[in-house]
Amino acid sequence: MKIGIEYAKIEDLTFNEDGLIPVVVQDINTKDVLMVAYANRDAILKTLETGYAHFWSRSRKKLWKKGETSGNYIRVEKILIDCDNDTLIYLSNPTGPACHTGRISCFFKELEH
């Protein structure tokens, strides 16, 4: 059994056919999952450069910084990569609600059964 952190480079990431990779944003303190978005290579590089979460808007077809309109920025403390190199977790310190509805997390609904 392997234990411990391994390191990877952006070149190791596996992007989908649109050049995107899913990003799960998690609060580093509470461990709450705040949101899920997509990033391309440029968004990841901008996140690494600035320390703030950047994503690729699939609807607007442009790079965006989380909080640029709401003021609810997400400071990224660490980026984790899954074992297949095709999903990221941004461990973060949010400055406000992550959801556009004003909720702390985008995950506030439970599926009925």
Protein backbone atom coordinates (compact mmCIF):
# COMPACT_ATOMS: atom_id res chain seq x y z
CA MET A 1 0.00 0.00 0.00
CA LYS A 2 1.34 3.41 -1.00
CA ILE A 3 0.91 6.23 1.49
CA GLY A 4 1.67 9.91 1.06
CA ILE A 5 1.36 12.65 -1.49
CA GLU A 6 2.63 12.35 -5.03
CA TYR A 7 3.14 15.35 -7.25
CA ALA A 8 2.09 15.90 -10.86
CA LYS A 9 2.43 18.65 -13.44
CA ILE A 10 -0.22 20.30 -15.55
CA GLU A 11 1.09 18.28 -18.51
CA ASP A 12 0.00 15.12 -16.65
CA LEU A 13 -3.67 16.17 -16.55
CA THR A 14 -6.22 14.50 -18.79
CA PHE A 15 -8.62 17.02 -20.31
CA ASN A 16 -11.82 15.99 -22.10
CA GLU A 17 -12.42 16.45 -25.84
CA ASP A 18 -13.33 20.12 -25.21
CA GLY A 19 -10.06 20.74 -23.35
CA LEU A 20 -11.81 20.86 -19.96
CA ILE A 21 -11.40 19.12 -16.62
CA PRO A 22 -13.98 19.08 -13.78
CA VAL A 23 -13.05 20.94 -10.61
CA VAL A 24 -14.65 20.21 -7.24
CA VAL A 25 -14.32 23.19 -4.90
CA GLN A 26 -14.09 22.17 -1.26
CA ASP A 27 -13.78 24.35 1.85
CA ILE A 28 -10.39 23.51 3.35
CA ASN A 29 -11.69 24.01 6.92
CA THR A 30 -15.23 22.59 6.94
CA LYS A 31 -14.62 20.04 4.14
CA ASP A 32 -17.98 21.08 2.62
CA VAL A 33 -18.21 20.69 -1.14
CA LEU A 34 -19.05 24.18 -2.35
CA MET A 35 -19.41 23.86 -6.10
CA VAL A 36 -18.31 22.06 -9.24
CA ALA A 37 -17.11 23.83 -12.37
CA TYR A 38 -14.82 23.21 -15.32
CA ALA A 39 -11.35 24.54 -16.01
CA ASN A 40 -9.16 24.55 -19.07
CA ARG A 41 -5.38 24.82 -19.02
CA ASP A 42 -5.47 28.64 -18.97
CA ALA A 43 -7.89 28.70 -16.03
CA ILE A 44 -5.67 26.37 -14.02
CA LEU A 45 -2.56 28.42 -14.82
CA LYS A 46 -4.39 31.63 -13.80
CA THR A 47 -5.48 29.95 -10.55
CA LEU A 48 -1.90 28.92 -9.81
CA GLU A 49 -0.61 32.39 -10.70
CA THR A 50 -3.11 34.41 -8.64
CA GLY A 51 -4.19 32.00 -5.90
CA TYR A 52 -7.85 32.62 -6.78
CA ALA A 53 -10.19 30.15 -8.49
CA HIS A 54 -10.57 30.62 -12.22
CA PHE A 55 -12.76 28.51 -14.46
CA TRP A 56 -13.90 28.17 -18.05
CA SER A 57 -17.51 29.18 -18.63
CA ARG A 58 -19.02 26.65 -21.00
CA SER A 59 -22.05 28.87 -21.65
CA ARG A 60 -20.19 32.15 -22.19
CA LYS A 61 -17.12 30.48 -23.74
CA LYS A 62 -14.69 32.53 -21.68
CA LEU A 63 -12.36 32.43 -18.70
CA TRP A 64 -13.88 33.73 -15.45
CA LYS A 65 -12.66 34.43 -11.95
CA LYS A 66 -15.08 33.19 -9.29
CA GLY A 67 -16.38 36.27 -7.50
CA GLU A 68 -15.69 38.79 -10.26
CA THR A 69 -19.34 39.91 -10.22
CA SER A 70 -20.52 38.79 -6.75
CA GLY A 71 -17.41 39.64 -4.73
CA ASN A 72 -17.48 36.10 -3.31
CA TYR A 73 -13.97 35.03 -4.24
CA ILE A 74 -12.45 31.61 -3.64
CA ARG A 75 -8.85 31.59 -2.44
CA VAL A 76 -7.26 28.30 -3.51
CA GLU A 77 -4.87 26.90 -0.91
CA LYS A 78 -4.05 23.58 -2.59
CA ILE A 79 -4.98 21.67 -5.74
CA LEU A 80 -5.43 17.91 -5.54
CA ILE A 81 -5.55 15.60 -8.56
CA ASP A 82 -7.40 12.29 -8.62
CA CYS A 83 -5.70 8.98 -9.45
CA ASP A 84 -6.73 9.14 -13.12
CA ASN A 85 -5.50 12.74 -13.55
CA ASP A 86 -8.93 13.77 -14.86
CA THR A 87 -10.55 15.59 -11.92
CA LEU A 88 -9.27 18.32 -9.60
CA ILE A 89 -10.17 19.45 -6.10
CA TYR A 90 -9.51 23.07 -5.19
CA LEU A 91 -9.08 23.13 -1.40
CA SER A 92 -10.14 26.67 -0.64
CA ASN A 93 -11.02 29.50 1.67
CA PRO A 94 -14.16 31.18 0.33
CA THR A 95 -14.83 34.86 1.09
CA GLY A 96 -18.59 34.38 0.90
CA PRO A 97 -21.27 32.10 -0.48
CA ALA A 98 -20.12 29.93 -3.39
CA CYS A 99 -23.58 29.53 -4.91
CA HIS A 100 -25.22 32.18 -7.08
CA THR A 101 -28.39 31.68 -4.97
CA GLY A 102 -26.58 33.11 -1.94
CA ARG A 103 -26.16 29.74 -0.23
CA ILE A 104 -22.79 28.70 1.15
CA SER A 105 -22.74 25.62 -1.10
CA CYS A 106 -24.39 24.82 -4.42
CA PHE A 107 -25.31 21.45 -2.90
CA PHE A 108 -28.39 22.20 -0.79
CA LYS A 109 -30.98 19.95 -2.44
CA GLU A 110 -31.58 16.29 -1.60
CA LEU A 111 -33.01 13.88 -4.16
CA GLU A 112 -36.30 12.40 -3.03
CA HIS A 113 -36.88 8.68 -3.20
